[in-house]
Amino acid sequence: MVSIETKEGTVQSEGQELFYRLTTPTEEPPRLSVLLLHGLLYSSENWLKLGTLQKLAEAGYEAVAIDLPGLGQSKESTAPASVGDLAPATFLLNVLKGLNLGPVVIISPSLSGMYSLPFLFGHNDLVKGFIPVAPICTEKFSAEQYTTVQTPTLIIYGEEDKTMGHTSLNKLKNLGNHKVHIMKGAPHACYLHDPEEWHQTVLEFLHNLS
């Protein structure tokens, strides 16, 4: 059994205090750092309860899940943009700096697209890999902009997510270096539908990166 350490804390970004959970292996330096974002109805607690933080750490990765502004244990913080608008790319940049993280793999479901996509385009050198899960705001960028991004990307969505899943795929498929994984029978929050498949798919992608 791999020895892992878990801690909780807060990090500052643009004057806002954000709650985070960090799980990391303790015996060897982590192979990669993974930043987990979340959707509108969720928080970092979901990644804890689902076992994703533990699975990542046991596989040798540093996993950091934050509560986005106005949500979870960051509910007292104010979002830098309205839902559906793009947040400044500096928002996640400050999070990474505050947590002393270098290049990361970003897992970005639903609402969190308003944070992850500007960061992907604005600070591509700090994104080691990208795992979008039916994120919002994909229509804010052109096909030409997507083709310029060569970051290894794993697009995951639920087969039954007929709205955001398909809408986001139509844009994200223009990314220059991507694969697609459809979770059969799964809804919008596909990771909750079959956690075993979710973890296996993510870990395989990370293994090929590291």
C-alpha atoms as a PDB file:
ATOM      1  CA  MET A   1       0.000   0.000   0.000  1.00  0.00           C
ATOM      2  CA  VAL A   2       1.372   3.392  -1.002  1.00  0.00           C
ATOM      3  CA  SER A   3       1.689   5.854   1.873  1.00  0.00           C
ATOM      4  CA  ILE A   4      -0.261   9.047   1.186  1.00  0.00           C
ATOM      5  CA  GLU A   5      -0.834  12.318   2.998  1.00  0.00           C
ATOM      6  CA  THR A   6      -3.958  14.457   2.919  1.00  0.00           C
ATOM      7  CA  LYS A   7      -4.318  18.036   4.050  1.00  0.00           C
ATOM      8  CA  GLU A   8      -6.791  20.898   3.760  1.00  0.00           C
ATOM      9  CA  GLY A   9      -6.205  24.616   3.613  1.00  0.00           C
ATOM     10  CA  THR A  10      -6.898  27.851   1.794  1.00  0.00           C
ATOM     11  CA  VAL A  11      -5.179  29.629  -1.073  1.00  0.00           C
ATOM     12  CA  GLN A  12      -5.557  33.223  -2.243  1.00  0.00           C
ATOM     13  CA  SER A  13      -6.400  34.306  -5.797  1.00  0.00           C
ATOM     14  CA  GLU A  14      -7.305  37.820  -6.874  1.00  0.00           C
ATOM     15  CA  GLY A  15      -8.127  38.765  -3.289  1.00  0.00           C
ATOM     16  CA  GLN A  16     -10.411  35.750  -2.802  1.00  0.00           C
ATOM     17  CA  GLU A  17      -9.791  32.902  -0.376  1.00  0.00           C
ATOM     18  CA  LEU A  18     -10.360  29.434  -1.807  1.00  0.00           C
ATOM     19  CA  PHE A  19     -10.588  26.166   0.105  1.00  0.00           C
ATOM     20  CA  TYR A  20      -8.557  23.215  -1.154  1.00  0.00           C
ATOM     21  CA  ARG A  21      -7.857  19.560  -0.411  1.00  0.00           C
ATOM     22  CA  LEU A  22      -4.464  18.068  -1.273  1.00  0.00           C
ATOM     23  CA  THR A  23      -3.557  14.382  -1.350  1.00  0.00           C
ATOM     24  CA  THR A  24      -0.049  13.287  -2.260  1.00  0.00           C
ATOM     25  CA  PRO A  25       2.253  10.243  -2.019  1.00  0.00           C
ATOM     26  CA  THR A  26       4.821  10.600   0.750  1.00  0.00           C
ATOM     27  CA  GLU A  27       7.521   8.068  -0.109  1.00  0.00           C
ATOM     28  CA  GLU A  28       8.602   9.427  -3.498  1.00  0.00           C
ATOM     29  CA  PRO A  29       8.189  12.734  -5.365  1.00  0.00           C
ATOM     30  CA  PRO A  30       4.869  12.805  -7.244  1.00  0.00           C
ATOM     31  CA  ARG A  31       4.957  11.867 -10.918  1.00  0.00           C
ATOM     32  CA  LEU A  32       2.644  14.733 -11.866  1.00  0.00           C
ATOM     33  CA  SER A  33       0.369  17.270 -10.218  1.00  0.00           C
ATOM     34  CA  VAL A  34      -3.347  17.127 -10.995  1.00  0.00           C
ATOM     35  CA  LEU A  35      -5.681  20.073 -10.373  1.00  0.00           C
ATOM     36  CA  LEU A  36      -9.312  19.016  -9.988  1.00  0.00           C
ATOM     37  CA  LEU A  37     -12.061  21.575 -10.576  1.00  0.00           C
ATOM     38  CA  HIS A  38     -15.811  20.952 -10.289  1.00  0.00           C
ATOM     39  CA  GLY A  39     -19.285  21.775 -11.582  1.00  0.00           C
ATOM     40  CA  LEU A  40     -21.979  24.137 -10.292  1.00  0.00           C
ATOM     41  CA  LEU A  41     -23.677  21.674  -7.932  1.00  0.00           C
ATOM     42  CA  TYR A  42     -20.445  20.163  -6.642  1.00  0.00           C
ATOM     43  CA  SER A  43     -17.218  20.909  -4.768  1.00  0.00           C
ATOM     44  CA  SER A  44     -13.894  19.339  -3.885  1.00  0.00           C
ATOM     45  CA  GLU A  45     -15.813  17.121  -1.459  1.00  0.00           C
ATOM     46  CA  ASN A  46     -17.128  15.101  -4.403  1.00  0.00           C
ATOM     47  CA  TRP A  47     -13.600  14.149  -5.471  1.00  0.00           C
ATOM     48  CA  LEU A  48     -12.923  13.118  -1.881  1.00  0.00           C
ATOM     49  CA  LYS A  49     -16.063  10.984  -1.533  1.00  0.00           C
ATOM     50  CA  LEU A  50     -15.681   9.481  -4.997  1.00  0.00           C
ATOM     51  CA  GLY A  51     -12.179   8.343  -4.047  1.00  0.00           C
ATOM     52  CA  THR A  52     -10.504  10.235  -6.886  1.00  0.00           C
ATOM     53  CA  LEU A  53      -8.030  12.090  -4.657  1.00  0.00           C
ATOM     54  CA  GLN A  54      -6.966   8.850  -2.994  1.00  0.00           C
ATOM     55  CA  LYS A  55      -6.745   6.912  -6.273  1.00  0.00           C
ATOM     56  CA  LEU A  56      -4.522   9.571  -7.816  1.00  0.00           C
ATOM     57  CA  ALA A  57      -2.200   9.745  -4.812  1.00  0.00           C
ATOM     58  CA  GLU A  58      -1.940   5.959  -4.576  1.00  0.00           C
ATOM     59  CA  ALA A  59      -0.902   5.944  -8.246  1.00  0.00           C
ATOM     60  CA  GLY A  60       1.884   8.410  -7.467  1.00  0.00           C
ATOM     61  CA  TYR A  61       0.250  11.718  -8.368  1.00  0.00           C
ATOM     62  CA  GLU A  62      -0.223  14.872  -6.325  1.00  0.00           C
ATOM     63  CA  ALA A  63      -3.943  15.692  -6.426  1.00  0.00           C
ATOM     64  CA  VAL A  64      -5.273  19.123  -5.509  1.00  0.00           C
ATOM     65  CA  ALA A  65      -9.007  19.859  -5.549  1.00  0.00           C
ATOM     66  CA  ILE A  66     -10.210  23.408  -4.983  1.00  0.00           C
ATOM     67  CA  ASP A  67     -13.644  24.802  -4.188  1.00  0.00           C
ATOM     68  CA  LEU A  68     -14.397  27.434  -6.824  1.00  0.00           C
ATOM     69  CA  PRO A  69     -15.550  30.905  -5.690  1.00  0.00           C
ATOM     70  CA  GLY A  70     -19.058  31.019  -4.275  1.00  0.00           C
ATOM     71  CA  LEU A  71     -19.251  27.239  -3.954  1.00  0.00           C
ATOM     72  CA  GLY A  72     -18.468  24.591  -1.352  1.00  0.00           C
ATOM     73  CA  GLN A  73     -16.222  25.933   1.402  1.00  0.00           C
ATOM     74  CA  SER A  74     -15.314  28.907  -0.823  1.00  0.00           C
ATOM     75  CA  LYS A  75     -18.919  30.142  -0.789  1.00  0.00           C
ATOM     76  CA  GLU A  76     -17.939  33.425   0.879  1.00  0.00           C
ATOM     77  CA  SER A  77     -15.631  34.271  -2.034  1.00  0.00           C
ATOM     78  CA  THR A  78     -16.791  36.208  -5.069  1.00  0.00           C
ATOM     79  CA  ALA A  79     -16.351  34.755  -8.544  1.00  0.00           C
ATOM     80  CA  PRO A  80     -14.276  36.901 -10.935  1.00  0.00           C
ATOM     81  CA  ALA A  81     -16.934  36.532 -13.647  1.00  0.00           C
ATOM     82  CA  SER A  82     -20.599  35.593 -13.982  1.00  0.00           C
ATOM     83  CA  VAL A  83     -21.490  31.979 -14.760  1.00  0.00           C
ATOM     84  CA  GLY A  84     -21.094  31.516 -18.496  1.00  0.00           C
ATOM     85  CA  ASP A  85     -18.500  34.276 -18.849  1.00  0.00           C
ATOM     86  CA  LEU A  86     -14.759  33.676 -18.982  1.00  0.00           C
ATOM     87  CA  ALA A  87     -12.725  34.217 -15.819  1.00  0.00           C
ATOM     88  CA  PRO A  88      -9.324  35.883 -16.196  1.00  0.00           C
ATOM     89  CA  ALA A  89      -6.549  33.405 -16.988  1.00  0.00           C
ATOM     90  CA  THR A  90      -4.659  34.880 -14.039  1.00  0.00           C
ATOM     91  CA  PHE A  91      -7.201  33.384 -11.634  1.00  0.00           C
ATOM     92  CA  LEU A  92      -5.901  29.800 -11.908  1.00  0.00           C
ATOM     93  CA  LEU A  93      -2.366  31.125 -12.370  1.00  0.00           C
ATOM     94  CA  ASN A  94      -2.556  32.628  -8.889  1.00  0.00           C
ATOM     95  CA  VAL A  95      -3.960  29.368  -7.520  1.00  0.00           C
ATOM     96  CA  LEU A  96      -0.990  27.438  -8.924  1.00  0.00           C
ATOM     97  CA  LYS A  97       1.461  29.977  -7.537  1.00  0.00           C
ATOM     98  CA  GLY A  98      -0.218  29.934  -4.131  1.00  0.00           C
ATOM     99  CA  LEU A  99      -0.005  26.148  -3.976  1.00  0.00           C
ATOM    100  CA  ASN A 100       3.566  26.053  -5.326  1.00  0.00           C
ATOM    101  CA  LEU A 101       2.492  23.947  -8.270  1.00  0.00           C
ATOM    102  CA  GLY A 102       4.364  23.776 -11.551  1.00  0.00           C
ATOM    103  CA  PRO A 103       2.747  22.508 -14.758  1.00  0.00           C
ATOM    104  CA  VAL A 104      -0.427  20.571 -13.949  1.00  0.00           C
ATOM    105  CA  VAL A 105      -2.981  18.268 -15.510  1.00  0.00           C
ATOM    106  CA  ILE A 106      -6.385  19.931 -15.199  1.00  0.00           C
ATOM    107  CA  ILE A 107      -9.601  17.959 -14.731  1.00  0.00           C
ATOM    108  CA  SER A 108     -12.396  20.339 -15.664  1.00  0.00           C
ATOM    109  CA  PRO A 109     -16.099  19.404 -15.555  1.00  0.00           C
ATOM    110  CA  SER A 110     -19.006  21.610 -16.541  1.00  0.00           C
ATOM    111  CA  LEU A 111     -19.001  25.065 -14.848  1.00  0.00           C
ATOM    112  CA  SER A 112     -15.235  24.989 -14.374  1.00  0.00           C
ATOM    113  CA  GLY A 113     -14.718  25.477 -18.103  1.00  0.00           C
ATOM    114  CA  MET A 114     -15.056  29.217 -17.475  1.00  0.00           C
ATOM    115  CA  TYR A 115     -11.807  28.948 -15.478  1.00  0.00           C
ATOM    116  CA  SER A 116      -9.876  26.178 -17.229  1.00  0.00           C
ATOM    117  CA  LEU A 117     -10.292  27.248 -20.850  1.00  0.00           C
ATOM    118  CA  PRO A 118      -8.888  30.782 -20.451  1.00  0.00           C
ATOM    119  CA  PHE A 119      -5.975  29.250 -18.537  1.00  0.00           C
ATOM    120  CA  LEU A 120      -5.409  26.619 -21.235  1.00  0.00           C
ATOM    121  CA  PHE A 121      -5.187  29.302 -23.921  1.00  0.00           C
ATOM    122  CA  GLY A 122      -3.391  31.916 -21.800  1.00  0.00           C
ATOM    123  CA  HIS A 123      -0.836  29.764 -19.995  1.00  0.00           C
ATOM    124  CA  ASN A 124      -0.497  26.687 -22.142  1.00  0.00           C
ATOM    125  CA  ASP A 125       3.034  26.077 -20.887  1.00  0.00           C
ATOM    126  CA  LEU A 126       1.597  25.360 -17.431  1.00  0.00           C
ATOM    127  CA  VAL A 127      -0.890  22.745 -18.626  1.00  0.00           C
ATOM    128  CA  LYS A 128       0.733  19.334 -18.878  1.00  0.00           C
ATOM    129  CA  GLY A 129      -2.542  17.651 -19.812  1.00  0.00           C
ATOM    130  CA  PHE A 130      -6.218  18.550 -20.031  1.00  0.00           C
ATOM    131  CA  ILE A 131      -9.248  16.412 -19.130  1.00  0.00           C
ATOM    132  CA  PRO A 132     -12.415  18.363 -19.966  1.00  0.00           C
ATOM    133  CA  VAL A 133     -15.719  16.777 -18.929  1.00  0.00           C
ATOM    134  CA  ALA A 134     -18.471  18.598 -20.853  1.00  0.00           C
ATOM    135  CA  PRO A 135     -17.225  22.053 -19.804  1.00  0.00           C
ATOM    136  CA  ILE A 136     -19.094  25.294 -20.413  1.00  0.00           C
ATOM    137  CA  CYS A 137     -17.711  28.227 -22.433  1.00  0.00           C
ATOM    138  CA  THR A 138     -16.236  26.115 -25.248  1.00  0.00           C
ATOM    139  CA  GLU A 139     -18.088  28.330 -27.737  1.00  0.00           C
ATOM    140  CA  LYS A 140     -16.066  31.349 -26.594  1.00  0.00           C
ATOM    141  CA  PHE A 141     -13.103  30.221 -28.708  1.00  0.00           C
ATOM    142  CA  SER A 142     -12.792  29.629 -32.457  1.00  0.00           C
ATOM    143  CA  ALA A 143     -11.868  26.385 -34.194  1.00  0.00           C
ATOM    144  CA  GLU A 144      -8.623  28.079 -35.247  1.00  0.00           C
ATOM    145  CA  GLN A 145      -7.761  28.871 -31.646  1.00  0.00           C
ATOM    146  CA  TYR A 146      -8.335  25.264 -30.608  1.00  0.00           C
ATOM    147  CA  THR A 147      -6.095  23.911 -33.351  1.00  0.00           C
ATOM    148  CA  THR A 148      -3.142  25.911 -32.009  1.00  0.00           C
ATOM    149  CA  VAL A 149      -3.236  24.024 -28.691  1.00  0.00           C
ATOM    150  CA  GLN A 150      -1.140  20.854 -28.703  1.00  0.00           C
ATOM    151  CA  THR A 151      -1.633  19.955 -25.038  1.00  0.00           C
ATOM    152  CA  PRO A 152      -2.458  16.241 -24.668  1.00  0.00           C
ATOM    153  CA  THR A 153      -6.206  16.181 -24.022  1.00  0.00           C
ATOM    154  CA  LEU A 154      -8.661  13.484 -22.983  1.00  0.00           C
ATOM    155  CA  ILE A 155     -12.245  14.563 -23.696  1.00  0.00           C
ATOM    156  CA  ILE A 156     -14.659  12.624 -21.491  1.00  0.00           C
ATOM    157  CA  TYR A 157     -18.438  12.894 -21.515  1.00  0.00           C
ATOM    158  CA  GLY A 158     -21.521  10.846 -20.740  1.00  0.00           C
ATOM    159  CA  GLU A 159     -23.388   9.174 -23.572  1.00  0.00           C
ATOM    160  CA  GLU A 160     -26.695  10.528 -22.229  1.00  0.00           C
ATOM    161  CA  ASP A 161     -25.422  14.099 -21.945  1.00  0.00           C
ATOM    162  CA  LYS A 162     -27.122  15.263 -25.120  1.00  0.00           C
ATOM    163  CA  THR A 163     -26.601  18.971 -24.442  1.00  0.00           C
ATOM    164  CA  MET A 164     -23.283  19.981 -22.873  1.00  0.00           C
ATOM    165  CA  GLY A 165     -21.550  16.741 -23.797  1.00  0.00           C
ATOM    166  CA  HIS A 166     -22.194  17.119 -27.505  1.00  0.00           C
ATOM    167  CA  THR A 167     -21.919  20.915 -27.591  1.00  0.00           C
ATOM    168  CA  SER A 168     -18.512  20.919 -25.926  1.00  0.00           C
ATOM    169  CA  LEU A 169     -17.251  18.007 -28.046  1.00  0.00           C
ATOM    170  CA  ASN A 170     -18.031  19.917 -31.241  1.00  0.00           C
ATOM    171  CA  LYS A 171     -15.544  22.589 -30.162  1.00  0.00           C
ATOM    172  CA  LEU A 172     -13.012  20.538 -28.200  1.00  0.00           C
ATOM    173  CA  LYS A 173     -12.522  18.096 -31.079  1.00  0.00           C
ATOM    174  CA  ASN A 174     -10.588  20.888 -32.806  1.00  0.00           C
ATOM    175  CA  LEU A 175      -7.805  20.603 -30.224  1.00  0.00           C
ATOM    176  CA  GLY A 176      -4.682  19.448 -31.982  1.00  0.00           C
ATOM    177  CA  ASN A 177      -3.825  16.486 -29.721  1.00  0.00           C
ATOM    178  CA  HIS A 178      -6.902  14.831 -28.265  1.00  0.00           C
ATOM    179  CA  LYS A 179      -8.657  11.547 -27.580  1.00  0.00           C
ATOM    180  CA  VAL A 180     -12.333  11.030 -26.768  1.00  0.00           C
ATOM    181  CA  HIS A 181     -13.817   8.677 -24.190  1.00  0.00           C
ATOM    182  CA  ILE A 182     -17.606   8.302 -24.031  1.00  0.00           C
ATOM    183  CA  MET A 183     -18.996   6.787 -20.842  1.00  0.00           C
ATOM    184  CA  LYS A 184     -21.861   4.530 -21.898  1.00  0.00           C
ATOM    185  CA  GLY A 185     -25.225   5.269 -20.317  1.00  0.00           C
ATOM    186  CA  ALA A 186     -23.770   8.100 -18.238  1.00  0.00           C
ATOM    187  CA  PRO A 187     -25.379  11.528 -17.676  1.00  0.00           C
ATOM    188  CA  HIS A 188     -23.698  14.948 -17.507  1.00  0.00           C
ATOM    189  CA  ALA A 189     -21.800  14.155 -14.278  1.00  0.00           C
ATOM    190  CA  CYS A 190     -20.494  10.976 -15.875  1.00  0.00           C
ATOM    191  CA  TYR A 191     -17.774  10.382 -13.258  1.00  0.00           C
ATOM    192  CA  LEU A 192     -20.500   9.651 -10.683  1.00  0.00           C
ATOM    193  CA  HIS A 193     -22.140   7.058 -12.954  1.00  0.00           C
ATOM    194  CA  ASP A 194     -19.241   4.605 -12.991  1.00  0.00           C
ATOM    195  CA  PRO A 195     -16.361   5.669 -10.719  1.00  0.00           C
ATOM    196  CA  GLU A 196     -14.343   2.573 -11.611  1.00  0.00           C
ATOM    197  CA  GLU A 197     -14.429   3.351 -15.325  1.00  0.00           C
ATOM    198  CA  TRP A 198     -13.740   7.013 -14.586  1.00  0.00           C
ATOM    199  CA  HIS A 199     -10.662   6.278 -12.492  1.00  0.00           C
ATOM    200  CA  GLN A 200      -9.315   3.688 -14.905  1.00  0.00           C
ATOM    201  CA  THR A 201      -9.688   6.071 -17.858  1.00  0.00           C
ATOM    202  CA  VAL A 202      -8.049   9.010 -16.081  1.00  0.00           C
ATOM    203  CA  LEU A 203      -5.186   6.933 -14.675  1.00  0.00           C
ATOM    204  CA  GLU A 204      -4.420   5.441 -18.071  1.00  0.00           C
ATOM    205  CA  PHE A 205      -4.208   8.922 -19.588  1.00  0.00           C
ATOM    206  CA  LEU A 206      -1.942  10.140 -16.783  1.00  0.00           C
ATOM    207  CA  HIS A 207       0.276   7.077 -17.083  1.00  0.00           C
ATOM    208  CA  ASN A 208       0.884   7.864 -20.736  1.00  0.00           C
ATOM    209  CA  LEU A 209       1.823  11.445 -19.830  1.00  0.00           C
ATOM    210  CA  SER A 210       4.252  10.675 -17.025  1.00  0.00           C
END
